[in-house]
């Protein structure tokens, strides 16, 4: 397809969410009278524990009694969505305000969908046992107005039409056009308590979301390529600042803006969340009980090694080198020119634990589950035999061990799974 044909390709894009973004976005939303009476408050447990005074201020200002507050502990589960849906119904809620990370926001989206159509969670349970992505075949009419306020960087749960939940000890992704909220508030005042490491973890997750579609070959548009290049450069620059402890409120706000950009018209027509890296990492999370960022950090260098070695089933080598060139130009010229070595070193320099040993038994299980549950939704994954994926997964130590080639470390630490 030439550039003229691509420019005339028809895509559908719809944004049902009004985004309120800025340093005082939350106060402006409240002052504007967007919230009706009878509000339920959902809080991420980590945010609530670290921000007692902020939570009390929100609760008091919205006049929410204690029996209309639900805490959500990560990871998001169908059971938590069920409990929240019952709370919303019992309280006769007109609004639900969710403040927290992706778990709190995803539980809220699913609970609201369940409230509007009680087939929702039964369908997730039935189909989630067989596939990685569960598409809701119906769009429920809104029964309660959602206001989602993210307190983390990376997931963009406040805008995406997906909810990631744990089901039977594995992760699945629920898609529905009716999941996004009526309002999203991007306000750096709600990310003040993030630690330096949490910011770096989130920036890596954002980087992967922008890099994967390009190296996978999904993006074939000049405008999208320019947007990806710009986003990568900004995220890397923010990483440099965060690593040095200089990530101010304006920087955190910019990182959240970049998250929101993934849901824009520029990227319409491509899968906004599931990539090859994410699908493999999702099964590593379930089988090896890893934190999401650790699984992603373990997978990425191994995938890049396969691509750099010329295995085009895993991605485009020329595009990978372009991406790595953009990263080095944005602040990491001292890292190795080899993309796989370089990204492993970058991950390590950001303090992210991506090193692990995985035996053949676990590697085979992860690979077979990745192909079985995600293959239909990730075209690049469907074309790779499970045995080859298992080879890559069990070879993560070799891929991540930059010391074997650079002599920078005497021995490899990390986790061992047998």
Protein backbone atom coordinates (compact mmCIF):
# COMPACT_ATOMS: atom_id res chain seq x y z
CA UNK A 1 0.00 0.00 0.00
CA UNK A 2 1.51 3.37 -0.99
CA UNK A 3 1.31 6.57 1.08
CA UNK A 4 -1.75 7.91 -0.77
CA UNK A 5 -3.65 4.67 -0.22
CA UNK A 6 -2.72 4.61 3.46
CA UNK A 7 -3.86 8.21 3.84
CA UNK A 8 -7.27 7.27 2.43
CA UNK A 9 -7.69 4.05 4.43
CA UNK A 10 -10.86 4.11 6.48
CA UNK A 11 -10.59 3.69 10.24
CA UNK A 12 -13.11 4.08 13.01
CA UNK A 13 -12.16 5.96 16.13
CA UNK A 14 -14.37 7.10 18.94
CA UNK A 15 -13.54 8.61 22.30
CA UNK A 16 -16.38 8.60 24.80
CA UNK A 17 -14.16 9.96 27.57
CA UNK A 18 -13.79 13.62 28.44
CA UNK A 19 -10.20 14.04 29.63
CA UNK A 20 -9.48 16.68 32.28
CA UNK A 21 -5.72 17.18 32.33
CA UNK A 22 -3.46 19.59 34.18
CA UNK A 23 -2.06 20.56 37.56
CA UNK A 24 -5.49 21.50 38.96
CA UNK A 25 -7.64 19.22 36.81
CA UNK A 26 -9.31 17.48 39.77
CA UNK A 27 -10.34 20.72 41.47
CA UNK A 28 -11.69 22.13 38.22
CA UNK A 29 -13.79 19.02 37.62
CA UNK A 30 -15.34 19.20 41.07
CA UNK A 31 -15.89 22.95 40.87
CA UNK A 32 -17.57 22.49 37.50
CA UNK A 33 -20.32 20.36 39.02
CA UNK A 34 -19.67 17.26 36.90
CA UNK A 35 -20.57 14.90 39.76
CA UNK A 36 -24.15 14.17 40.66
CA UNK A 37 -25.30 13.09 44.12
CA UNK A 38 -24.69 9.64 45.67
CA UNK A 39 -21.09 8.85 44.83
CA UNK A 40 -19.17 5.65 45.58
CA UNK A 41 -15.41 6.00 46.06
CA UNK A 42 -13.00 3.27 44.90
CA UNK A 43 -9.40 3.48 46.09
CA UNK A 44 -6.30 1.57 45.18
CA UNK A 45 -5.05 0.19 48.50
CA UNK A 46 -1.46 1.29 47.88
CA UNK A 47 -2.47 4.86 47.08
CA UNK A 48 -4.84 5.03 50.06
CA UNK A 49 -2.13 3.82 52.47
CA UNK A 50 0.39 6.40 51.24
CA UNK A 51 -1.99 9.34 50.88
CA UNK A 52 -4.30 9.38 53.89
CA UNK A 53 -4.77 13.16 53.96
CA UNK A 54 -5.48 13.35 50.24
CA UNK A 55 -8.04 10.53 50.50
CA UNK A 56 -9.73 12.21 53.47
CA UNK A 57 -9.89 15.47 51.53
CA UNK A 58 -11.55 13.73 48.57
CA UNK A 59 -13.98 11.83 50.80
CA UNK A 60 -14.97 14.96 52.71
CA UNK A 61 -15.38 17.12 49.65
CA UNK A 62 -17.61 14.56 47.93
CA UNK A 63 -19.47 13.81 51.19
CA UNK A 64 -18.94 10.04 50.93
CA UNK A 65 -19.71 7.92 54.02
CA UNK A 66 -17.46 5.00 54.94
CA UNK A 67 -19.95 2.41 53.72
CA UNK A 68 -19.66 3.75 50.16
CA UNK A 69 -15.89 3.25 49.91
CA UNK A 70 -14.20 0.15 48.45
CA UNK A 71 -10.49 -0.61 48.56
CA UNK A 72 -9.01 -2.58 45.67
CA UNK A 73 -5.88 -4.67 46.11
CA UNK A 74 -3.83 -5.46 42.99
CA UNK A 75 -4.18 -7.50 40.90
CA UNK A 76 -7.69 -6.80 39.66
CA UNK A 77 -10.00 -9.81 39.91
CA UNK A 78 -13.48 -10.71 38.74
CA UNK A 79 -14.48 -11.19 42.38
CA UNK A 80 -13.54 -7.60 43.27
CA UNK A 81 -15.58 -6.33 40.32
CA UNK A 82 -18.51 -8.41 41.54
CA UNK A 83 -18.33 -6.92 45.05
CA UNK A 84 -18.13 -3.37 43.69
CA UNK A 85 -21.06 -3.91 41.33
CA UNK A 86 -23.17 -5.03 44.29
CA UNK A 87 -22.07 -1.98 46.28
CA UNK A 88 -23.03 0.36 43.44
CA UNK A 89 -26.43 -1.27 43.12
CA UNK A 90 -27.08 -1.30 46.86
CA UNK A 91 -26.08 2.34 47.27
CA UNK A 92 -28.18 3.49 44.33
CA UNK A 93 -25.02 5.21 43.08
CA UNK A 94 -25.15 7.91 40.42
CA UNK A 95 -21.36 8.32 40.25
CA UNK A 96 -18.30 6.23 41.00
CA UNK A 97 -14.94 7.93 41.47
CA UNK A 98 -11.97 5.54 41.22
CA UNK A 99 -8.53 6.75 42.31
CA UNK A 100 -5.61 4.37 42.01
CA UNK A 101 -3.52 2.24 39.70
CA UNK A 102 -4.75 0.05 36.87
CA UNK A 103 -6.25 -2.54 39.26
CA UNK A 104 -8.64 -0.05 40.87
CA UNK A 105 -9.59 1.50 37.54
CA UNK A 106 -10.09 -1.83 35.74
CA UNK A 107 -12.21 -3.25 38.58
CA UNK A 108 -14.37 -0.13 38.40
CA UNK A 109 -14.87 -0.38 34.64
CA UNK A 110 -15.88 -4.01 34.84
CA UNK A 111 -18.18 -3.41 37.83
CA UNK A 112 -19.99 -0.62 36.01
CA UNK A 113 -20.42 -2.81 32.94
CA UNK A 114 -21.77 -5.60 35.15
CA UNK A 115 -24.22 -3.18 36.76
CA UNK A 116 -25.50 -2.19 33.33
CA UNK A 117 -25.63 -5.76 32.00
CA UNK A 118 -25.48 -8.66 34.42
CA UNK A 119 -24.20 -11.03 31.73
CA UNK A 120 -20.77 -9.35 31.81
CA UNK A 121 -18.87 -11.20 34.52
CA UNK A 122 -20.43 -14.58 33.71
CA UNK A 123 -19.16 -14.15 30.16
CA UNK A 124 -15.69 -13.17 31.37
CA UNK A 125 -15.51 -16.28 33.56
CA UNK A 126 -16.68 -18.59 30.77
CA UNK A 127 -14.56 -17.22 27.92
CA UNK A 128 -11.55 -16.17 29.98
CA UNK A 129 -10.79 -19.81 30.73
CA UNK A 130 -10.12 -20.42 27.03
CA UNK A 131 -8.61 -17.24 25.65
CA UNK A 132 -6.44 -14.28 26.56
CA UNK A 133 -8.72 -11.56 25.19
CA UNK A 134 -12.43 -11.67 25.99
CA UNK A 135 -14.50 -9.39 23.77
CA UNK A 136 -17.83 -8.36 25.24
CA UNK A 137 -20.39 -8.78 22.42
CA UNK A 138 -22.72 -6.12 23.82
CA UNK A 139 -22.35 -2.47 24.83
CA UNK A 140 -24.28 -1.85 28.02
CA UNK A 141 -26.03 1.47 28.54
CA UNK A 142 -24.44 3.60 31.26
CA UNK A 143 -26.08 3.24 34.68
CA UNK A 144 -23.50 5.13 36.74
CA UNK A 145 -21.11 7.90 35.71
CA UNK A 146 -17.46 6.89 36.03
CA UNK A 147 -14.66 9.29 36.94
CA UNK A 148 -11.25 7.58 36.78
CA UNK A 149 -8.15 9.18 38.30
CA UNK A 150 -4.85 7.34 37.63
CA UNK A 151 -2.15 7.44 40.28
CA UNK A 152 0.49 5.50 38.34
CA UNK A 153 2.39 5.90 35.07
CA UNK A 154 2.28 3.32 32.29
CA UNK A 155 -1.01 1.41 32.02
CA UNK A 156 -3.33 4.20 30.71
CA UNK A 157 -6.25 2.29 32.26
CA UNK A 158 -8.25 5.51 32.55
CA UNK A 159 -8.81 5.60 28.77
CA UNK A 160 -8.36 2.18 27.25
CA UNK A 161 -11.41 0.05 26.35
CA UNK A 162 -9.83 -2.89 28.21
CA UNK A 163 -9.72 -4.26 31.72
CA UNK A 164 -6.93 -6.63 32.76
CA UNK A 165 -8.05 -9.11 35.42
CA UNK A 166 -6.72 -12.23 37.07
CA UNK A 167 -8.88 -15.26 36.47
CA UNK A 168 -7.96 -18.74 37.76
CA UNK A 169 -4.35 -17.74 38.43
CA UNK A 170 -3.80 -16.22 34.99
CA UNK A 171 -4.34 -12.85 33.40
CA UNK A 172 -6.91 -12.11 30.76
CA UNK A 173 -7.89 -8.93 29.00
CA UNK A 174 -11.55 -7.91 28.68
CA UNK A 175 -12.43 -5.67 25.76
CA UNK A 176 -15.64 -3.67 25.47
CA UNK A 177 -16.60 -0.42 23.77
CA UNK A 178 -18.64 0.47 26.86
CA UNK A 179 -15.75 0.12 29.34
CA UNK A 180 -14.10 3.57 29.04
CA UNK A 181 -15.36 6.13 31.58
CA UNK A 182 -17.31 9.32 31.04
CA UNK A 183 -14.53 11.35 32.69
CA UNK A 184 -10.79 10.81 33.19
CA UNK A 185 -8.70 13.13 35.36
CA UNK A 186 -4.97 13.38 34.68
CA UNK A 187 -3.58 15.43 37.54
CA UNK A 188 0.02 15.20 38.74
CA UNK A 189 -1.18 15.90 42.28
CA UNK A 190 -2.26 12.27 42.41
CA UNK A 191 1.19 10.94 41.44
CA UNK A 192 3.17 12.82 44.09
CA UNK A 193 3.65 9.74 46.27
CA UNK A 194 5.16 7.62 43.47
CA UNK A 195 8.64 6.44 44.31
CA UNK A 196 11.53 6.95 41.93
CA UNK A 197 11.46 3.24 41.10
CA UNK A 198 7.70 3.23 40.45
CA UNK A 199 8.15 6.07 37.97
CA UNK A 200 10.96 4.23 36.17
CA UNK A 201 8.90 1.02 36.08
CA UNK A 202 5.98 2.92 34.53
CA UNK A 203 8.18 4.64 31.96
CA UNK A 204 9.53 1.26 30.79
CA UNK A 205 5.98 -0.06 30.43
CA UNK A 206 5.06 2.99 28.36
CA UNK A 207 8.16 2.58 26.21
CA UNK A 208 7.21 -1.01 25.42
CA UNK A 209 3.68 0.01 24.45
CA UNK A 210 5.08 2.45 21.88
CA UNK A 211 8.00 0.31 20.65
CA UNK A 212 6.26 -3.03 20.16
CA UNK A 213 3.79 -2.08 17.39
CA UNK A 214 6.63 -0.53 15.43
CA UNK A 215 9.09 -3.42 15.73
CA UNK A 216 6.25 -5.92 15.20
CA UNK A 217 5.43 -4.25 11.87
CA UNK A 218 1.88 -3.21 12.84
CA UNK A 219 2.51 0.50 12.28
CA UNK A 220 2.78 1.48 8.63
CA UNK A 221 1.93 5.18 8.67
CA UNK A 222 4.21 8.22 8.52
CA UNK A 223 2.22 10.12 11.14
CA UNK A 224 2.17 7.18 13.56
CA UNK A 225 5.91 6.61 13.08
CA UNK A 226 6.59 10.28 13.86
CA UNK A 227 4.39 10.09 16.97
CA UNK A 228 6.17 6.93 18.17
CA UNK A 229 9.59 8.47 17.62
CA UNK A 230 8.58 11.59 19.55
CA UNK A 231 7.04 9.60 22.40
CA UNK A 232 10.09 7.34 22.72
CA UNK A 233 12.41 10.35 22.86
CA UNK A 234 10.32 12.04 25.54
CA UNK A 235 9.94 8.89 27.64
CA UNK A 236 13.68 8.22 27.55
CA UNK A 237 14.40 11.83 28.55
CA UNK A 238 11.94 11.49 31.43
CA UNK A 239 13.73 8.28 32.43
CA UNK A 240 17.04 10.14 32.62
CA UNK A 241 15.43 12.75 34.87
CA UNK A 242 13.68 10.18 37.04
CA UNK A 243 16.87 8.16 37.47
CA UNK A 244 18.60 11.31 38.74
CA UNK A 245 15.71 12.07 41.10
CA UNK A 246 14.61 15.12 39.09
CA UNK A 247 11.13 14.03 37.96
CA UNK A 248 8.97 17.03 38.85
CA UNK A 249 5.19 17.33 38.68
CA UNK A 250 5.36 18.65 35.11
CA UNK A 251 7.40 15.57 34.11
CA UNK A 252 4.89 13.19 35.67
CA UNK A 253 2.10 15.04 33.90
CA UNK A 254 3.91 14.69 30.57
CA UNK A 255 4.36 10.95 31.15
CA UNK A 256 0.60 10.62 31.71
CA UNK A 257 -0.12 12.67 28.57
CA UNK A 258 2.01 10.24 26.60
CA UNK A 259 -0.01 7.34 28.01
CA UNK A 260 -3.19 9.02 26.82
CA UNK A 261 -1.73 9.57 23.34
CA UNK A 262 -1.82 5.82 22.68
CA UNK A 263 -5.61 6.02 22.55
CA UNK A 264 -5.65 8.81 19.97
CA UNK A 265 -6.67 8.92 16.32
CA UNK A 266 -3.02 8.66 15.23
CA UNK A 267 -2.98 5.01 16.32
CA UNK A 268 -6.49 4.05 15.21
CA UNK A 269 -6.65 0.72 13.41
CA UNK A 270 -4.11 -1.16 15.53
CA UNK A 271 -4.45 -3.18 18.69
CA UNK A 272 -3.78 -0.63 21.46
CA UNK A 273 -2.71 -3.01 24.20
CA UNK A 274 -1.78 -6.57 23.29
CA UNK A 275 1.64 -7.11 21.74
CA UNK A 276 3.95 -10.09 21.44
CA UNK A 277 6.00 -8.93 24.43
CA UNK A 278 2.93 -8.35 26.59
CA UNK A 279 1.30 -11.69 25.70
CA UNK A 280 4.38 -13.72 26.65
CA UNK A 281 4.88 -11.63 29.79
CA UNK A 282 1.24 -12.21 30.80
CA UNK A 283 1.83 -15.97 30.97
CA UNK A 284 5.15 -15.53 32.77
CA UNK A 285 3.30 -13.47 35.39
CA UNK A 286 0.85 -16.33 35.95
CA UNK A 287 3.26 -19.27 35.83
CA UNK A 288 6.25 -17.75 37.63
CA UNK A 289 4.31 -15.31 39.89
CA UNK A 290 6.31 -12.32 38.68
CA UNK A 291 5.40 -8.63 38.95
CA UNK A 292 4.31 -7.30 35.52
CA UNK A 293 7.31 -5.02 35.03
CA UNK A 294 9.74 -7.86 35.90
CA UNK A 295 8.14 -10.17 33.34
CA UNK A 296 8.24 -7.47 30.66
CA UNK A 297 11.86 -6.65 31.49
CA UNK A 298 12.79 -10.34 31.21
CA UNK A 299 11.06 -10.87 27.87
CA UNK A 300 12.10 -7.74 25.98
CA UNK A 301 15.89 -8.34 25.63
CA UNK A 302 15.27 -11.95 24.61
CA UNK A 303 12.85 -10.92 21.87
CA UNK A 304 15.22 -8.24 20.69
CA UNK A 305 18.08 -10.76 20.54
CA UNK A 306 16.02 -12.98 18.22
CA UNK A 307 15.16 -10.01 16.01
CA UNK A 308 18.74 -8.71 15.93
CA UNK A 309 19.97 -12.20 15.03
CA UNK A 310 17.74 -12.10 11.95
CA UNK A 311 14.66 -14.14 12.97
CA UNK A 312 11.99 -11.99 11.32
CA UNK A 313 9.17 -14.01 12.90
CA UNK A 314 9.85 -12.03 16.07
CA UNK A 315 10.03 -8.60 14.45
CA UNK A 316 11.68 -6.35 11.89
CA UNK A 317 15.44 -5.96 12.36
CA UNK A 318 15.66 -2.64 10.51
CA UNK A 319 12.87 -1.14 12.60
CA UNK A 320 14.40 -2.47 15.81
CA UNK A 321 17.67 -0.71 14.98
CA UNK A 322 15.73 2.49 14.27
CA UNK A 323 14.01 2.30 17.65
CA UNK A 324 17.30 1.67 19.44
CA UNK A 325 18.86 4.56 17.55
CA UNK A 326 16.09 6.87 18.78
CA UNK A 327 16.65 5.71 22.37
CA UNK A 328 20.40 6.24 22.22
CA UNK A 329 19.97 9.66 20.63
CA UNK A 330 17.56 10.70 23.38
CA UNK A 331 20.06 10.22 26.19
CA UNK A 332 21.86 6.87 26.12
CA UNK A 333 24.65 7.15 23.55
CA UNK A 334 27.01 5.37 25.95
CA UNK A 335 24.97 2.15 25.85
CA UNK A 336 25.97 -0.73 23.51
CA UNK A 337 25.10 -0.31 19.83
CA UNK A 338 23.62 -3.82 19.85
CA UNK A 339 19.88 -3.33 20.62
CA UNK A 340 19.46 -6.47 22.75
CA UNK A 341 22.56 -5.79 24.84
CA UNK A 342 21.61 -2.12 25.04
CA UNK A 343 18.03 -2.54 26.22
CA UNK A 344 19.14 -5.08 28.86
CA UNK A 345 21.68 -2.56 30.14
CA UNK A 346 19.11 0.26 30.09
CA UNK A 347 16.64 -1.84 32.09
CA UNK A 348 19.34 -2.68 34.62
CA UNK A 349 20.44 0.97 34.91
CA UNK A 350 16.85 1.91 35.75
CA UNK A 351 16.93 -0.50 38.68
CA UNK A 352 14.41 -2.92 37.17
CA UNK A 353 14.89 -6.60 37.94
CA UNK A 354 14.53 -8.43 34.65
CA UNK A 355 17.02 -11.24 35.20
CA UNK A 356 15.80 -14.78 35.79
CA UNK A 357 16.56 -18.41 35.15
CA UNK A 358 13.68 -20.46 33.80
CA UNK A 359 13.96 -24.21 33.28
CA UNK A 360 12.59 -26.06 30.26
CA UNK A 361 9.47 -27.28 32.01
CA UNK A 362 8.30 -23.81 32.97
CA UNK A 363 9.43 -22.38 29.63
CA UNK A 364 7.38 -24.94 27.72
CA UNK A 365 4.32 -24.26 29.86
CA UNK A 366 4.60 -20.49 29.37
CA UNK A 367 5.08 -20.86 25.62
CA UNK A 368 2.18 -23.26 25.12
CA UNK A 369 -0.14 -21.03 27.15
CA UNK A 370 0.96 -17.94 25.24
CA UNK A 371 0.17 -19.57 21.89
CA UNK A 372 -3.06 -21.11 23.12
CA UNK A 373 -4.54 -18.09 24.87
CA UNK A 374 -3.10 -15.18 22.87
CA UNK A 375 -2.22 -16.50 19.41
CA UNK A 376 -5.55 -15.52 17.85
CA UNK A 377 -5.15 -11.91 19.06
CA UNK A 378 -1.45 -11.41 18.33
CA UNK A 379 -0.78 -12.24 14.65
CA UNK A 380 2.99 -12.35 15.13
CA UNK A 381 2.65 -14.82 17.96
CA UNK A 382 0.41 -17.19 16.03
CA UNK A 383 3.17 -17.78 13.46
CA UNK A 384 5.75 -18.99 15.98
CA UNK A 385 5.67 -22.62 17.19
CA UNK A 386 5.44 -23.08 20.95
CA UNK A 387 8.76 -24.98 20.92
CA UNK A 388 10.56 -21.95 19.48
CA UNK A 389 8.94 -19.67 22.03
CA UNK A 390 10.03 -22.04 24.78
CA UNK A 391 13.62 -21.85 23.50
CA UNK A 392 13.47 -18.06 23.70
CA UNK A 393 11.94 -18.03 27.19
CA UNK A 394 14.41 -20.52 28.67
CA UNK A 395 17.19 -18.53 27.02
CA UNK A 396 16.36 -15.28 28.80
CA UNK A 397 19.46 -15.56 30.98
CA UNK A 398 21.75 -15.68 27.97
CA UNK A 399 19.92 -12.78 26.33
CA UNK A 400 20.03 -10.61 29.44
CA UNK A 401 23.58 -11.47 30.47
CA UNK A 402 25.39 -8.51 28.98
CA UNK A 403 28.39 -9.43 31.14
CA UNK A 404 29.08 -12.45 28.93
CA UNK A 405 29.92 -10.05 26.10
CA UNK A 406 31.02 -6.86 27.85
CA UNK A 407 32.71 -8.14 31.01
CA UNK A 408 30.72 -5.66 33.12
CA UNK A 409 29.69 -8.20 35.74
CA UNK A 410 31.36 -11.21 37.29
CA UNK A 411 28.26 -13.27 37.88
CA UNK A 412 24.57 -13.16 37.08
CA UNK A 413 22.12 -12.67 39.88
CA UNK A 414 18.37 -12.92 39.48
CA UNK A 415 15.69 -15.52 40.06
CA UNK A 416 15.76 -19.25 39.40
CA UNK A 417 12.64 -21.20 38.47
CA UNK A 418 12.78 -25.01 38.36
